[in-house]
Amino acid sequence: MNDRSRFGLAARPFAAALCLGAAALAATGDAASQPAQPRRTADAAVVSALWAHHWTLQSATDPAGAPNAVLLPPGHPIVMSFKEGNVSIRSACNQMNGRWRLSPLGPLSIGQLAATMRSCEPPLMEADAQLSAALARPLGVDLTRGATPILRLTTESQQTLTFIGQPTPRSLYGAPKRLFLEVGPQLVECKLPSGAAGSCLQVREVRFDKQGLRSGTPGPWRPLAESIEGYAHTPGVRNVLRVDRYQRKAAAGESAAVYVLDLVVESQTVAGK
């Protein structure tokens, strides 16, 4: 049976009135004799679940309960990832980033989101706009734990966004090693972890100093037999990527290394390639 945690959007008005009345009564007594109240914190299990998963939007409904297809454009899933005080959102068109906080009483607050400035087809831009508006006010949180956790966020206008959780690489494999990889403009022939022949990215490791400038000599070019999660290569384009490399216990025909894209640092179209 799933362990379900539910939080409301806000306390009812009469509850606030009761609190004010209780405070007035307490003020008539000896304040020094009143025991200190423990400081409430957000549900640690819910916070841990948010950190440990990537959350992909599966459904969206309007206040009447009707499906909202605008937030589910085909081929452009919306994915949220929580890291300590930061939330990263891969929306239908743009990447969004901001701060988040789960209050002791339950509401999830997401601060003003900064977004990239890509221009996409109108349906994708509309999905971005609706998502940003939905997240602008405190959200009710309903988390169903389990092998495949479900996160439901309810807006003040009673829209409901339902997300499915997938474990993050960090929760599966532990802390990664961060490195910078320069990716050549063309794929090269290589031997895949399965032993079969295939096409791979051509990469070399590069380094940057504290000022963000390249330093030292790049490593040698080599084929990268593993894919980089979150990265789609465009032939003829050279990129410098900041990636996280995880180590796992690999089965036969698999690589022990798992690469995950963190940031595209540089991108350049190579003429004549």
C-alpha atoms as a PDB file:
ATOM      1  CA  MET A   1       0.000   0.000   0.000  1.00  0.00           C
ATOM      2  CA  ASN A   2       1.324   3.430  -0.912  1.00  0.00           C
ATOM      3  CA  ASP A   3       2.159   5.864   1.861  1.00  0.00           C
ATOM      4  CA  ARG A   4       0.299   9.055   1.009  1.00  0.00           C
ATOM      5  CA  SER A   5       1.053  12.548   2.334  1.00  0.00           C
ATOM      6  CA  ARG A   6      -1.367  15.389   1.634  1.00  0.00           C
ATOM      7  CA  PHE A   7      -1.060  19.078   2.303  1.00  0.00           C
ATOM      8  CA  GLY A   8      -3.616  21.849   1.777  1.00  0.00           C
ATOM      9  CA  LEU A   9      -3.059  25.187   0.110  1.00  0.00           C
ATOM     10  CA  ALA A  10      -3.758  27.406   3.099  1.00  0.00           C
ATOM     11  CA  ALA A  11      -5.360  27.445   6.540  1.00  0.00           C
ATOM     12  CA  ARG A  12      -9.053  28.331   6.681  1.00  0.00           C
ATOM     13  CA  PRO A  13     -10.001  31.848   7.881  1.00  0.00           C
ATOM     14  CA  PHE A  14     -11.645  30.582  11.081  1.00  0.00           C
ATOM     15  CA  ALA A  15      -8.399  28.799  12.032  1.00  0.00           C
ATOM     16  CA  ALA A  16      -6.572  32.109  11.822  1.00  0.00           C
ATOM     17  CA  ALA A  17      -9.225  33.691  14.055  1.00  0.00           C
ATOM     18  CA  LEU A  18      -8.816  30.929  16.629  1.00  0.00           C
ATOM     19  CA  CYS A  19      -5.045  31.472  16.648  1.00  0.00           C
ATOM     20  CA  LEU A  20      -5.531  35.198  17.247  1.00  0.00           C
ATOM     21  CA  GLY A  21      -7.928  34.480  20.117  1.00  0.00           C
ATOM     22  CA  ALA A  22      -5.507  32.062  21.724  1.00  0.00           C
ATOM     23  CA  ALA A  23      -2.710  34.599  21.447  1.00  0.00           C
ATOM     24  CA  ALA A  24      -4.836  37.228  23.194  1.00  0.00           C
ATOM     25  CA  LEU A  25      -5.583  34.869  26.100  1.00  0.00           C
ATOM     26  CA  ALA A  26      -1.916  33.926  26.443  1.00  0.00           C
ATOM     27  CA  ALA A  27      -0.957  37.587  26.628  1.00  0.00           C
ATOM     28  CA  THR A  28      -2.968  38.007  29.849  1.00  0.00           C
ATOM     29  CA  GLY A  29      -0.832  35.433  31.660  1.00  0.00           C
ATOM     30  CA  ASP A  30       2.822  35.258  32.548  1.00  0.00           C
ATOM     31  CA  ALA A  31       4.580  35.088  29.181  1.00  0.00           C
ATOM     32  CA  ALA A  32       7.779  33.838  30.801  1.00  0.00           C
ATOM     33  CA  SER A  33       5.922  30.802  32.172  1.00  0.00           C
ATOM     34  CA  GLN A  34       4.767  29.665  28.740  1.00  0.00           C
ATOM     35  CA  PRO A  35       6.823  26.760  27.322  1.00  0.00           C
ATOM     36  CA  ALA A  36       8.698  27.480  24.094  1.00  0.00           C
ATOM     37  CA  GLN A  37       6.966  25.988  21.060  1.00  0.00           C
ATOM     38  CA  PRO A  38       9.089  23.750  18.850  1.00  0.00           C
ATOM     39  CA  ARG A  39       9.895  25.202  15.458  1.00  0.00           C
ATOM     40  CA  ARG A  40       7.990  23.409  12.714  1.00  0.00           C
ATOM     41  CA  THR A  41       9.826  22.247   9.640  1.00  0.00           C
ATOM     42  CA  ALA A  42       8.698  20.827   6.306  1.00  0.00           C
ATOM     43  CA  ASP A  43       8.056  17.096   6.062  1.00  0.00           C
ATOM     44  CA  ALA A  44      11.578  15.674   5.629  1.00  0.00           C
ATOM     45  CA  ALA A  45      10.275  12.623   3.756  1.00  0.00           C
ATOM     46  CA  VAL A  46       8.532  14.821   1.177  1.00  0.00           C
ATOM     47  CA  VAL A  47      11.607  17.005   0.730  1.00  0.00           C
ATOM     48  CA  SER A  48      13.770  13.905   0.308  1.00  0.00           C
ATOM     49  CA  ALA A  49      11.395  12.517  -2.333  1.00  0.00           C
ATOM     50  CA  LEU A  50      11.450  15.801  -4.256  1.00  0.00           C
ATOM     51  CA  TRP A  51      15.264  15.794  -4.295  1.00  0.00           C
ATOM     52  CA  ALA A  52      15.580  12.131  -5.253  1.00  0.00           C
ATOM     53  CA  HIS A  53      13.442  12.208  -8.417  1.00  0.00           C
ATOM     54  CA  HIS A  54      12.976  13.944 -11.725  1.00  0.00           C
ATOM     55  CA  TRP A  55       9.271  14.792 -12.049  1.00  0.00           C
ATOM     56  CA  THR A  56       7.668  14.474 -15.499  1.00  0.00           C
ATOM     57  CA  LEU A  57       4.249  16.026 -16.099  1.00  0.00           C
ATOM     58  CA  GLN A  58       1.751  13.304 -16.994  1.00  0.00           C
ATOM     59  CA  SER A  59      -1.573  15.131 -16.860  1.00  0.00           C
ATOM     60  CA  ALA A  60      -3.051  18.570 -16.280  1.00  0.00           C
ATOM     61  CA  THR A  61      -6.639  19.532 -15.527  1.00  0.00           C
ATOM     62  CA  ASP A  62      -8.397  22.888 -15.332  1.00  0.00           C
ATOM     63  CA  PRO A  63     -10.503  23.972 -12.323  1.00  0.00           C
ATOM     64  CA  ALA A  64     -13.512  22.086 -13.727  1.00  0.00           C
ATOM     65  CA  GLY A  65     -11.476  18.874 -13.958  1.00  0.00           C
ATOM     66  CA  ALA A  66     -11.246  18.927 -17.763  1.00  0.00           C
ATOM     67  CA  PRO A  67      -7.902  17.964 -19.360  1.00  0.00           C
ATOM     68  CA  ASN A  68      -5.592  20.813 -20.324  1.00  0.00           C
ATOM     69  CA  ALA A  69      -3.781  19.607 -23.442  1.00  0.00           C
ATOM     70  CA  VAL A  70      -1.818  22.862 -23.788  1.00  0.00           C
ATOM     71  CA  LEU A  71       0.598  21.723 -21.049  1.00  0.00           C
ATOM     72  CA  LEU A  72       1.224  18.376 -22.756  1.00  0.00           C
ATOM     73  CA  PRO A  73       2.527  19.173 -26.268  1.00  0.00           C
ATOM     74  CA  PRO A  74       3.574  15.939 -28.023  1.00  0.00           C
ATOM     75  CA  GLY A  75       7.307  15.249 -27.902  1.00  0.00           C
ATOM     76  CA  HIS A  76       8.061  18.042 -25.431  1.00  0.00           C
ATOM     77  CA  PRO A  77       7.648  16.700 -21.879  1.00  0.00           C
ATOM     78  CA  ILE A  78       7.816  19.081 -18.941  1.00  0.00           C
ATOM     79  CA  VAL A  79      10.290  17.875 -16.282  1.00  0.00           C
ATOM     80  CA  MET A  80      10.969  19.405 -12.847  1.00  0.00           C
ATOM     81  CA  SER A  81      14.075  18.695 -10.740  1.00  0.00           C
ATOM     82  CA  PHE A  82      14.614  19.910  -7.164  1.00  0.00           C
ATOM     83  CA  LYS A  83      18.124  20.474  -5.789  1.00  0.00           C
ATOM     84  CA  GLU A  84      18.281  21.835  -2.249  1.00  0.00           C
ATOM     85  CA  GLY A  85      16.866  25.377  -2.622  1.00  0.00           C
ATOM     86  CA  ASN A  86      16.836  25.413  -6.436  1.00  0.00           C
ATOM     87  CA  VAL A  87      14.331  24.033  -8.912  1.00  0.00           C
ATOM     88  CA  SER A  88      15.159  23.405 -12.563  1.00  0.00           C
ATOM     89  CA  ILE A  89      12.338  22.993 -15.078  1.00  0.00           C
ATOM     90  CA  ARG A  90      12.722  21.725 -18.627  1.00  0.00           C
ATOM     91  CA  SER A  91       9.574  23.170 -20.129  1.00  0.00           C
ATOM     92  CA  ALA A  92       8.095  22.673 -23.585  1.00  0.00           C
ATOM     93  CA  CYS A  93      10.394  25.307 -25.116  1.00  0.00           C
ATOM     94  CA  ASN A  94      12.649  26.965 -22.556  1.00  0.00           C
ATOM     95  CA  GLN A  95      14.638  26.011 -19.482  1.00  0.00           C
ATOM     96  CA  MET A  96      13.432  27.663 -16.266  1.00  0.00           C
ATOM     97  CA  ASN A  97      15.232  28.019 -12.949  1.00  0.00           C
ATOM     98  CA  GLY A  98      14.269  29.453  -9.597  1.00  0.00           C
ATOM     99  CA  ARG A  99      14.136  29.021  -5.828  1.00  0.00           C
ATOM    100  CA  TRP A 100      11.628  26.859  -3.985  1.00  0.00           C
ATOM    101  CA  ARG A 101      10.463  26.322  -0.428  1.00  0.00           C
ATOM    102  CA  LEU A 102       8.123  23.810   1.191  1.00  0.00           C
ATOM    103  CA  SER A 103       6.525  25.403   4.228  1.00  0.00           C
ATOM    104  CA  PRO A 104       5.826  23.497   7.473  1.00  0.00           C
ATOM    105  CA  LEU A 105       2.095  23.730   6.720  1.00  0.00           C
ATOM    106  CA  GLY A 106       2.533  22.198   3.289  1.00  0.00           C
ATOM    107  CA  PRO A 107       2.295  24.786   0.479  1.00  0.00           C
ATOM    108  CA  LEU A 108       5.106  24.679  -2.071  1.00  0.00           C
ATOM    109  CA  SER A 109       6.303  28.140  -3.078  1.00  0.00           C
ATOM    110  CA  ILE A 110       8.378  28.659  -6.223  1.00  0.00           C
ATOM    111  CA  GLY A 111      10.046  32.040  -6.619  1.00  0.00           C
ATOM    112  CA  GLN A 112      10.199  34.107  -9.779  1.00  0.00           C
ATOM    113  CA  LEU A 113      11.517  31.899 -12.553  1.00  0.00           C
ATOM    114  CA  ALA A 114      14.378  32.911 -14.835  1.00  0.00           C
ATOM    115  CA  ALA A 115      14.061  31.398 -18.299  1.00  0.00           C
ATOM    116  CA  THR A 116      16.152  31.039 -21.418  1.00  0.00           C
ATOM    117  CA  MET A 117      15.030  33.120 -24.384  1.00  0.00           C
ATOM    118  CA  ARG A 118      14.481  30.539 -27.104  1.00  0.00           C
ATOM    119  CA  SER A 119      11.733  31.183 -29.615  1.00  0.00           C
ATOM    120  CA  CYS A 120       9.627  28.139 -30.471  1.00  0.00           C
ATOM    121  CA  GLU A 121       6.358  27.308 -32.211  1.00  0.00           C
ATOM    122  CA  PRO A 122       3.336  29.091 -30.674  1.00  0.00           C
ATOM    123  CA  PRO A 123       1.926  25.957 -28.936  1.00  0.00           C
ATOM    124  CA  LEU A 124       5.235  25.431 -27.110  1.00  0.00           C
ATOM    125  CA  MET A 125       5.479  29.079 -26.108  1.00  0.00           C
ATOM    126  CA  GLU A 126       1.906  28.917 -24.783  1.00  0.00           C
ATOM    127  CA  ALA A 127       2.765  25.832 -22.735  1.00  0.00           C
ATOM    128  CA  ASP A 128       5.696  27.726 -21.188  1.00  0.00           C
ATOM    129  CA  ALA A 129       3.473  30.706 -20.380  1.00  0.00           C
ATOM    130  CA  GLN A 130       0.755  28.601 -18.771  1.00  0.00           C
ATOM    131  CA  LEU A 131       3.241  26.618 -16.706  1.00  0.00           C
ATOM    132  CA  SER A 132       4.961  29.763 -15.456  1.00  0.00           C
ATOM    133  CA  ALA A 133       1.597  31.257 -14.465  1.00  0.00           C
ATOM    134  CA  ALA A 134       0.505  28.065 -12.689  1.00  0.00           C
ATOM    135  CA  LEU A 135       3.678  27.977 -10.586  1.00  0.00           C
ATOM    136  CA  ALA A 136       3.601  31.656  -9.660  1.00  0.00           C
ATOM    137  CA  ARG A 137       1.412  31.170  -6.568  1.00  0.00           C
ATOM    138  CA  PRO A 138       1.680  28.705  -3.631  1.00  0.00           C
ATOM    139  CA  LEU A 139       0.809  25.144  -4.578  1.00  0.00           C
ATOM    140  CA  GLY A 140      -0.898  22.394  -2.630  1.00  0.00           C
ATOM    141  CA  VAL A 141       1.227  19.229  -2.497  1.00  0.00           C
ATOM    142  CA  ASP A 142      -0.118  15.687  -2.632  1.00  0.00           C
ATOM    143  CA  LEU A 143       2.617  13.019  -2.728  1.00  0.00           C
ATOM    144  CA  THR A 144       1.930   9.316  -3.190  1.00  0.00           C
ATOM    145  CA  ARG A 145       5.036   7.326  -2.360  1.00  0.00           C
ATOM    146  CA  GLY A 146       5.956   4.005  -3.919  1.00  0.00           C
ATOM    147  CA  ALA A 147       8.155   2.425  -6.567  1.00  0.00           C
ATOM    148  CA  THR A 148       6.806   5.043  -9.001  1.00  0.00           C
ATOM    149  CA  PRO A 149       5.875   8.075  -6.874  1.00  0.00           C
ATOM    150  CA  ILE A 150       3.177  10.501  -7.972  1.00  0.00           C
ATOM    151  CA  LEU A 151       3.308  14.229  -7.208  1.00  0.00           C
ATOM    152  CA  ARG A 152       0.155  16.326  -7.567  1.00  0.00           C
ATOM    153  CA  LEU A 153       0.422  20.098  -7.407  1.00  0.00           C
ATOM    154  CA  THR A 154      -2.804  22.087  -7.000  1.00  0.00           C
ATOM    155  CA  THR A 155      -2.938  25.789  -7.814  1.00  0.00           C
ATOM    156  CA  GLU A 156      -5.003  28.381  -5.954  1.00  0.00           C
ATOM    157  CA  SER A 157      -7.457  28.315  -8.884  1.00  0.00           C
ATOM    158  CA  GLN A 158      -7.760  24.511  -8.460  1.00  0.00           C
ATOM    159  CA  GLN A 159      -5.799  23.477 -11.512  1.00  0.00           C
ATOM    160  CA  THR A 160      -4.069  20.129 -10.912  1.00  0.00           C
ATOM    161  CA  LEU A 161      -0.678  19.130 -12.341  1.00  0.00           C
ATOM    162  CA  THR A 162       0.227  15.450 -11.926  1.00  0.00           C
ATOM    163  CA  PHE A 163       3.862  14.350 -12.193  1.00  0.00           C
ATOM    164  CA  ILE A 164       5.482  10.907 -12.238  1.00  0.00           C
ATOM    165  CA  GLY A 165       8.839  10.533 -10.467  1.00  0.00           C
ATOM    166  CA  GLN A 166      11.932   8.846 -11.891  1.00  0.00           C
ATOM    167  CA  PRO A 167      14.991   8.388  -9.628  1.00  0.00           C
ATOM    168  CA  THR A 168      17.842  10.798 -10.271  1.00  0.00           C
ATOM    169  CA  PRO A 169      21.277   9.375 -11.092  1.00  0.00           C
ATOM    170  CA  ARG A 170      22.597  10.770  -7.804  1.00  0.00           C
ATOM    171  CA  SER A 171      19.960   8.853  -5.827  1.00  0.00           C
ATOM    172  CA  LEU A 172      20.872   5.689  -7.734  1.00  0.00           C
ATOM    173  CA  TYR A 173      24.668   5.932  -7.953  1.00  0.00           C
ATOM    174  CA  GLY A 174      25.840   8.493  -5.392  1.00  0.00           C
ATOM    175  CA  ALA A 175      27.865  11.655  -5.938  1.00  0.00           C
ATOM    176  CA  PRO A 176      29.280  12.227  -9.453  1.00  0.00           C
ATOM    177  CA  LYS A 177      32.522  13.600 -10.779  1.00  0.00           C
ATOM    178  CA  ARG A 178      32.037  16.834 -12.732  1.00  0.00           C
ATOM    179  CA  LEU A 179      34.035  17.433 -15.899  1.00  0.00           C
ATOM    180  CA  PHE A 180      34.006  19.430 -19.120  1.00  0.00           C
ATOM    181  CA  LEU A 181      33.886  17.618 -22.456  1.00  0.00           C
ATOM    182  CA  GLU A 182      34.446  19.193 -25.850  1.00  0.00           C
ATOM    183  CA  VAL A 183      32.313  17.343 -28.388  1.00  0.00           C
ATOM    184  CA  GLY A 184      33.534  17.273 -31.995  1.00  0.00           C
ATOM    185  CA  PRO A 185      31.174  18.232 -34.828  1.00  0.00           C
ATOM    186  CA  GLN A 186      30.921  14.741 -36.323  1.00  0.00           C
ATOM    187  CA  LEU A 187      30.288  11.258 -34.996  1.00  0.00           C
ATOM    188  CA  VAL A 188      33.017   8.648 -35.371  1.00  0.00           C
ATOM    189  CA  GLU A 189      33.018   4.897 -35.699  1.00  0.00           C
ATOM    190  CA  CYS A 190      33.491   3.062 -32.416  1.00  0.00           C
ATOM    191  CA  LYS A 191      32.900  -0.114 -30.473  1.00  0.00           C
ATOM    192  CA  LEU A 192      29.838   0.079 -28.240  1.00  0.00           C
ATOM    193  CA  PRO A 193      29.754  -1.366 -24.687  1.00  0.00           C
ATOM    194  CA  SER A 194      27.760  -4.299 -26.073  1.00  0.00           C
ATOM    195  CA  GLY A 195      30.722  -5.128 -28.331  1.00  0.00           C
ATOM    196  CA  ALA A 196      28.904  -4.161 -31.519  1.00  0.00           C
ATOM    197  CA  ALA A 197      30.227  -1.572 -33.966  1.00  0.00           C
ATOM    198  CA  GLY A 198      28.463   1.781 -33.956  1.00  0.00           C
ATOM    199  CA  SER A 199      28.778   5.560 -34.092  1.00  0.00           C
ATOM    200  CA  CYS A 200      29.914   7.598 -31.111  1.00  0.00           C
ATOM    201  CA  LEU A 201      30.554  11.160 -30.062  1.00  0.00           C
ATOM    202  CA  GLN A 202      34.164  12.261 -30.381  1.00  0.00           C
ATOM    203  CA  VAL A 203      35.193  14.040 -27.172  1.00  0.00           C
ATOM    204  CA  ARG A 204      38.171  15.395 -25.292  1.00  0.00           C
ATOM    205  CA  GLU A 205      38.385  16.724 -21.760  1.00  0.00           C
ATOM    206  CA  VAL A 206      39.008  20.455 -21.296  1.00  0.00           C
ATOM    207  CA  ARG A 207      39.590  22.557 -18.174  1.00  0.00           C
ATOM    208  CA  PHE A 208      38.589  26.034 -17.059  1.00  0.00           C
ATOM    209  CA  ASP A 209      40.088  28.277 -14.399  1.00  0.00           C
ATOM    210  CA  LYS A 210      38.184  30.209 -11.719  1.00  0.00           C
ATOM    211  CA  GLN A 211      37.614  33.064 -14.170  1.00  0.00           C
ATOM    212  CA  GLY A 212      35.892  30.710 -16.608  1.00  0.00           C
ATOM    213  CA  LEU A 213      38.770  30.752 -19.101  1.00  0.00           C
ATOM    214  CA  ARG A 214      40.264  27.657 -20.672  1.00  0.00           C
ATOM    215  CA  SER A 215      43.421  26.492 -18.955  1.00  0.00           C
ATOM    216  CA  GLY A 216      46.006  23.829 -19.632  1.00  0.00           C
ATOM    217  CA  THR A 217      46.176  21.494 -22.604  1.00  0.00           C
ATOM    218  CA  PRO A 218      43.032  19.612 -23.679  1.00  0.00           C
ATOM    219  CA  GLY A 219      43.102  15.852 -23.367  1.00  0.00           C
ATOM    220  CA  PRO A 220      43.316  13.596 -26.437  1.00  0.00           C
ATOM    221  CA  TRP A 221      40.326  13.083 -28.696  1.00  0.00           C
ATOM    222  CA  ARG A 222      38.564   9.767 -28.116  1.00  0.00           C
ATOM    223  CA  PRO A 223      35.262   8.130 -29.001  1.00  0.00           C
ATOM    224  CA  LEU A 224      32.702   8.192 -26.201  1.00  0.00           C
ATOM    225  CA  ALA A 225      30.860   4.887 -26.330  1.00  0.00           C
ATOM    226  CA  GLU A 226      28.300   6.021 -23.760  1.00  0.00           C
ATOM    227  CA  SER A 227      25.479   8.459 -24.466  1.00  0.00           C
ATOM    228  CA  ILE A 228      25.111  11.690 -22.494  1.00  0.00           C
ATOM    229  CA  GLU A 229      21.716  11.908 -20.857  1.00  0.00           C
ATOM    230  CA  GLY A 230      19.974  15.154 -21.809  1.00  0.00           C
ATOM    231  CA  TYR A 231      22.241  15.878 -24.798  1.00  0.00           C
ATOM    232  CA  ALA A 232      21.173  15.601 -28.449  1.00  0.00           C
ATOM    233  CA  HIS A 233      24.021  16.000 -30.923  1.00  0.00           C
ATOM    234  CA  THR A 234      23.598  18.042 -34.107  1.00  0.00           C
ATOM    235  CA  PRO A 235      26.077  17.066 -36.863  1.00  0.00           C
ATOM    236  CA  GLY A 236      28.349  19.959 -37.784  1.00  0.00           C
ATOM    237  CA  VAL A 237      28.062  21.609 -34.362  1.00  0.00           C
ATOM    238  CA  ARG A 238      30.911  21.639 -31.844  1.00  0.00           C
ATOM    239  CA  ASN A 239      29.921  21.902 -28.193  1.00  0.00           C
ATOM    240  CA  VAL A 240      31.619  22.178 -24.829  1.00  0.00           C
ATOM    241  CA  LEU A 241      29.533  20.461 -22.169  1.00  0.00           C
ATOM    242  CA  ARG A 242      29.625  20.432 -18.404  1.00  0.00           C
ATOM    243  CA  VAL A 243      28.671  16.910 -17.440  1.00  0.00           C
ATOM    244  CA  ASP A 244      28.373  14.737 -14.353  1.00  0.00           C
ATOM    245  CA  ARG A 245      29.896  11.267 -14.578  1.00  0.00           C
ATOM    246  CA  TYR A 246      28.489   8.585 -12.284  1.00  0.00           C
ATOM    247  CA  GLN A 247      29.863   5.113 -11.633  1.00  0.00           C
ATOM    248  CA  ARG A 248      27.545   2.134 -11.336  1.00  0.00           C
ATOM    249  CA  LYS A 249      27.684  -1.624 -11.119  1.00  0.00           C
ATOM    250  CA  ALA A 250      27.262  -2.591 -14.745  1.00  0.00           C
ATOM    251  CA  ALA A 251      25.755  -5.755 -16.151  1.00  0.00           C
ATOM    252  CA  ALA A 252      27.314  -7.553 -19.105  1.00  0.00           C
ATOM    253  CA  GLY A 253      27.205  -5.391 -22.220  1.00  0.00           C
ATOM    254  CA  GLU A 254      26.777  -2.175 -20.227  1.00  0.00           C
ATOM    255  CA  SER A 255      29.209   0.581 -19.330  1.00  0.00           C
ATOM    256  CA  ALA A 256      30.005   1.350 -15.701  1.00  0.00           C
ATOM    257  CA  ALA A 257      30.012   5.084 -16.513  1.00  0.00           C
ATOM    258  CA  VAL A 258      26.818   7.157 -16.733  1.00  0.00           C
ATOM    259  CA  TYR A 259      27.093  10.674 -18.189  1.00  0.00           C
ATOM    260  CA  VAL A 260      24.470  13.349 -17.518  1.00  0.00           C
ATOM    261  CA  LEU A 261      24.455  16.802 -19.124  1.00  0.00           C
ATOM    262  CA  ASP A 262      24.527  19.694 -16.660  1.00  0.00           C
ATOM    263  CA  LEU A 263      25.172  22.677 -18.958  1.00  0.00           C
ATOM    264  CA  VAL A 264      26.089  23.550 -22.560  1.00  0.00           C
ATOM    265  CA  VAL A 265      29.026  25.941 -22.078  1.00  0.00           C
ATOM    266  CA  GLU A 266      29.884  26.683 -25.719  1.00  0.00           C
ATOM    267  CA  SER A 267      28.279  25.910 -29.067  1.00  0.00           C
ATOM    268  CA  GLN A 268      29.661  26.606 -32.541  1.00  0.00           C
ATOM    269  CA  THR A 269      28.671  25.577 -36.039  1.00  0.00           C
ATOM    270  CA  VAL A 270      31.789  24.399 -37.853  1.00  0.00           C
ATOM    271  CA  ALA A 271      31.930  25.604 -41.470  1.00  0.00           C
ATOM    272  CA  GLY A 272      32.377  22.933 -44.120  1.00  0.00           C
ATOM    273  CA  LYS A 273      31.679  20.080 -41.738  1.00  0.00           C
END
